[in-house]
Amino acid sequence: MDSGTGRTCGRRIAAAAGAALLAALGAVAATTSPAAAATGDVLIVQKGSTGNLVSTQTFVFIKGVTEQGDGVQVGATQFAVTNLTDRTLTLTEKTPAGAVVHSGTAASGSDGTFAVTGGDTVFLTVPAN
C-alpha cells in the first residue's frame, strides 16, 4: 500500500479548494469598480471609557473592495484607526437602523480616534477617484 496516496489526494483537494476560493474572490472583485479601491491595511482598536482594550482587528483593502464595516463591541467607547492604505478613508458610524451618528476621515498613513456607541457599526469607505 502506498502511504503517499492519501497525502497526494489531500493536496489535490486542498489545491482545488484554494482555486475555487480564488475564483470566488475574483468574481466578487469583478463586480465592483477596481479604480475606486485602495490597497493596504487598516488597524482598528476599540477601547472602553477607562482605556481598557476591548478588541483589535486588521482589515485589508484590496482592489475592488470600497467599503468594510466593523461592529462596535459592547463596552467600547472609542474606535481608533491606523490607516496604512494608499488612500484617505471615510469612517461613518451608523446605528442598527442605519441612521448616521457622525463621520470623519483618516488620511493615508495617519491615525484617527472616534467616540462610538456599542451596538453601532463603523463603516470604512474608500473615496472614488
Protein backbone atom coordinates (compact mmCIF):
# COMPACT_ATOMS: atom_id res chain seq x y z
CA MET A 1 0.00 0.00 0.00
CA ASP A 2 1.35 3.40 -0.93
CA SER A 3 1.18 5.70 2.11
CA GLY A 4 1.75 8.76 -0.08
CA THR A 5 -1.55 8.36 -1.94
CA GLY A 6 -3.57 9.86 0.91
CA ARG A 7 -1.31 12.88 1.05
CA THR A 8 -1.45 13.36 -2.70
CA CYS A 9 -5.24 13.18 -2.66
CA GLY A 10 -5.35 15.63 0.26
CA ARG A 11 -3.10 18.05 -1.63
CA ARG A 12 -5.32 17.82 -4.71
CA ILE A 13 -8.42 18.56 -2.63
CA ALA A 14 -6.67 21.50 -0.91
CA ALA A 15 -5.47 22.86 -4.26
CA ALA A 16 -8.98 22.56 -5.75
CA ALA A 17 -10.49 24.31 -2.72
CA GLY A 18 -7.90 27.09 -2.97
CA ALA A 19 -8.60 27.54 -6.68
CA ALA A 20 -12.35 27.70 -6.01
CA LEU A 21 -11.81 30.33 -3.30
CA LEU A 22 -9.65 32.46 -5.59
CA ALA A 23 -12.24 32.18 -8.35
CA ALA A 24 -14.98 33.28 -5.97
CA LEU A 25 -12.90 36.23 -4.76
CA GLY A 26 -12.20 37.21 -8.35
CA ALA A 27 -15.91 37.11 -9.14
CA VAL A 28 -16.69 39.38 -6.18
CA ALA A 29 -13.90 41.81 -7.07
CA ALA A 30 -15.08 41.92 -10.68
CA THR A 31 -18.49 43.21 -9.64
CA THR A 32 -17.14 46.48 -8.20
CA SER A 33 -15.02 49.25 -9.62
CA PRO A 34 -11.31 48.41 -9.20
CA ALA A 35 -10.28 52.03 -9.79
CA ALA A 36 -12.18 53.20 -6.71
CA ALA A 37 -10.42 50.98 -4.18
CA ALA A 38 -7.36 51.34 -2.01
CA THR A 39 -4.81 48.73 -1.14
CA GLY A 40 -3.25 48.18 2.25
CA ASP A 41 -4.13 47.53 5.86
CA VAL A 42 -6.28 49.30 8.42
CA LEU A 43 -5.66 48.50 12.08
CA ILE A 44 -8.68 49.01 14.34
CA VAL A 45 -8.51 49.17 18.13
CA GLN A 46 -11.65 49.53 20.23
CA LYS A 47 -11.23 50.77 23.81
CA GLY A 48 -13.57 51.36 26.73
CA SER A 49 -14.10 54.56 28.71
CA THR A 50 -11.24 53.74 31.11
CA GLY A 51 -8.85 52.97 28.26
CA ASN A 52 -9.21 49.20 28.60
CA LEU A 53 -8.72 47.23 25.38
CA VAL A 54 -11.99 45.82 24.06
CA SER A 55 -10.91 44.42 20.66
CA THR A 56 -8.43 44.72 17.82
CA GLN A 57 -8.85 43.89 14.15
CA THR A 58 -6.98 44.35 10.92
CA PHE A 59 -8.77 44.98 7.64
CA VAL A 60 -7.02 44.53 4.34
CA PHE A 61 -8.39 46.61 1.48
CA ILE A 62 -7.87 45.08 -1.92
CA LYS A 63 -8.71 46.34 -5.38
CA GLY A 64 -12.46 46.13 -5.92
CA VAL A 65 -13.48 46.47 -2.26
CA THR A 66 -14.56 50.01 -1.42
CA GLU A 67 -16.28 49.59 1.95
CA GLN A 68 -15.97 47.41 5.04
CA GLY A 69 -17.82 47.61 8.33
CA ASP A 70 -16.87 46.80 11.89
CA GLY A 71 -19.43 46.50 14.66
CA VAL A 72 -18.75 48.47 17.83
CA GLN A 73 -18.17 45.94 20.59
CA VAL A 74 -20.06 46.04 23.88
CA GLY A 75 -18.19 48.30 26.30
CA ALA A 76 -16.28 50.17 23.59
CA THR A 77 -16.46 53.96 23.63
CA GLN A 78 -13.50 54.72 21.35
CA PHE A 79 -12.73 53.44 17.85
CA ALA A 80 -9.10 54.06 16.91
CA VAL A 81 -7.90 53.58 13.33
CA THR A 82 -4.40 53.40 11.89
CA ASN A 83 -4.70 53.84 8.12
CA LEU A 84 -1.88 52.13 6.25
CA THR A 85 -3.66 52.23 2.90
CA ASP A 86 -2.68 54.43 -0.01
CA ARG A 87 -5.90 56.49 0.24
CA THR A 88 -7.85 58.62 2.72
CA LEU A 89 -10.63 56.65 4.41
CA THR A 90 -14.02 57.96 5.46
CA LEU A 91 -15.34 56.47 8.69
CA THR A 92 -19.09 56.65 9.29
CA GLU A 93 -20.78 55.40 12.45
CA LYS A 94 -24.35 54.21 11.90
CA THR A 95 -26.99 52.92 14.29
CA PRO A 96 -28.52 49.47 13.69
CA ALA A 97 -31.42 51.31 11.99
CA GLY A 98 -28.97 52.95 9.55
CA ALA A 99 -29.01 56.49 10.95
CA VAL A 100 -25.66 58.25 10.65
CA VAL A 101 -24.28 59.24 14.07
CA HIS A 102 -21.17 61.01 12.77
CA SER A 103 -18.33 60.62 10.29
CA GLY A 104 -14.72 61.62 9.88
CA THR A 105 -11.66 60.84 7.82
CA ALA A 106 -8.27 59.24 8.35
CA ALA A 107 -5.66 60.26 5.78
CA SER A 108 -3.26 57.77 4.27
CA GLY A 109 -0.63 56.83 6.84
CA SER A 110 -2.40 58.58 9.71
CA ASP A 111 -4.35 57.70 12.84
CA GLY A 112 -7.83 58.70 13.89
CA THR A 113 -9.88 58.20 17.05
CA PHE A 114 -13.65 58.41 17.11
CA ALA A 115 -16.09 58.26 20.02
CA VAL A 116 -18.58 55.45 19.39
CA THR A 117 -21.60 53.73 20.92
CA GLY A 118 -21.80 49.97 21.45
CA GLY A 119 -24.13 48.23 19.00
CA ASP A 120 -23.44 50.69 16.18
CA THR A 121 -21.32 49.88 13.13
CA VAL A 122 -18.41 51.92 11.78
CA PHE A 123 -18.12 51.77 8.01
CA LEU A 124 -14.71 52.37 6.41
CA THR A 125 -15.13 53.71 2.87
CA VAL A 126 -12.52 54.44 0.22
CA PRO A 127 -13.44 57.51 -1.87
CA ALA A 128 -13.95 57.13 -5.59
CA ASN A 129 -11.27 58.51 -7.89
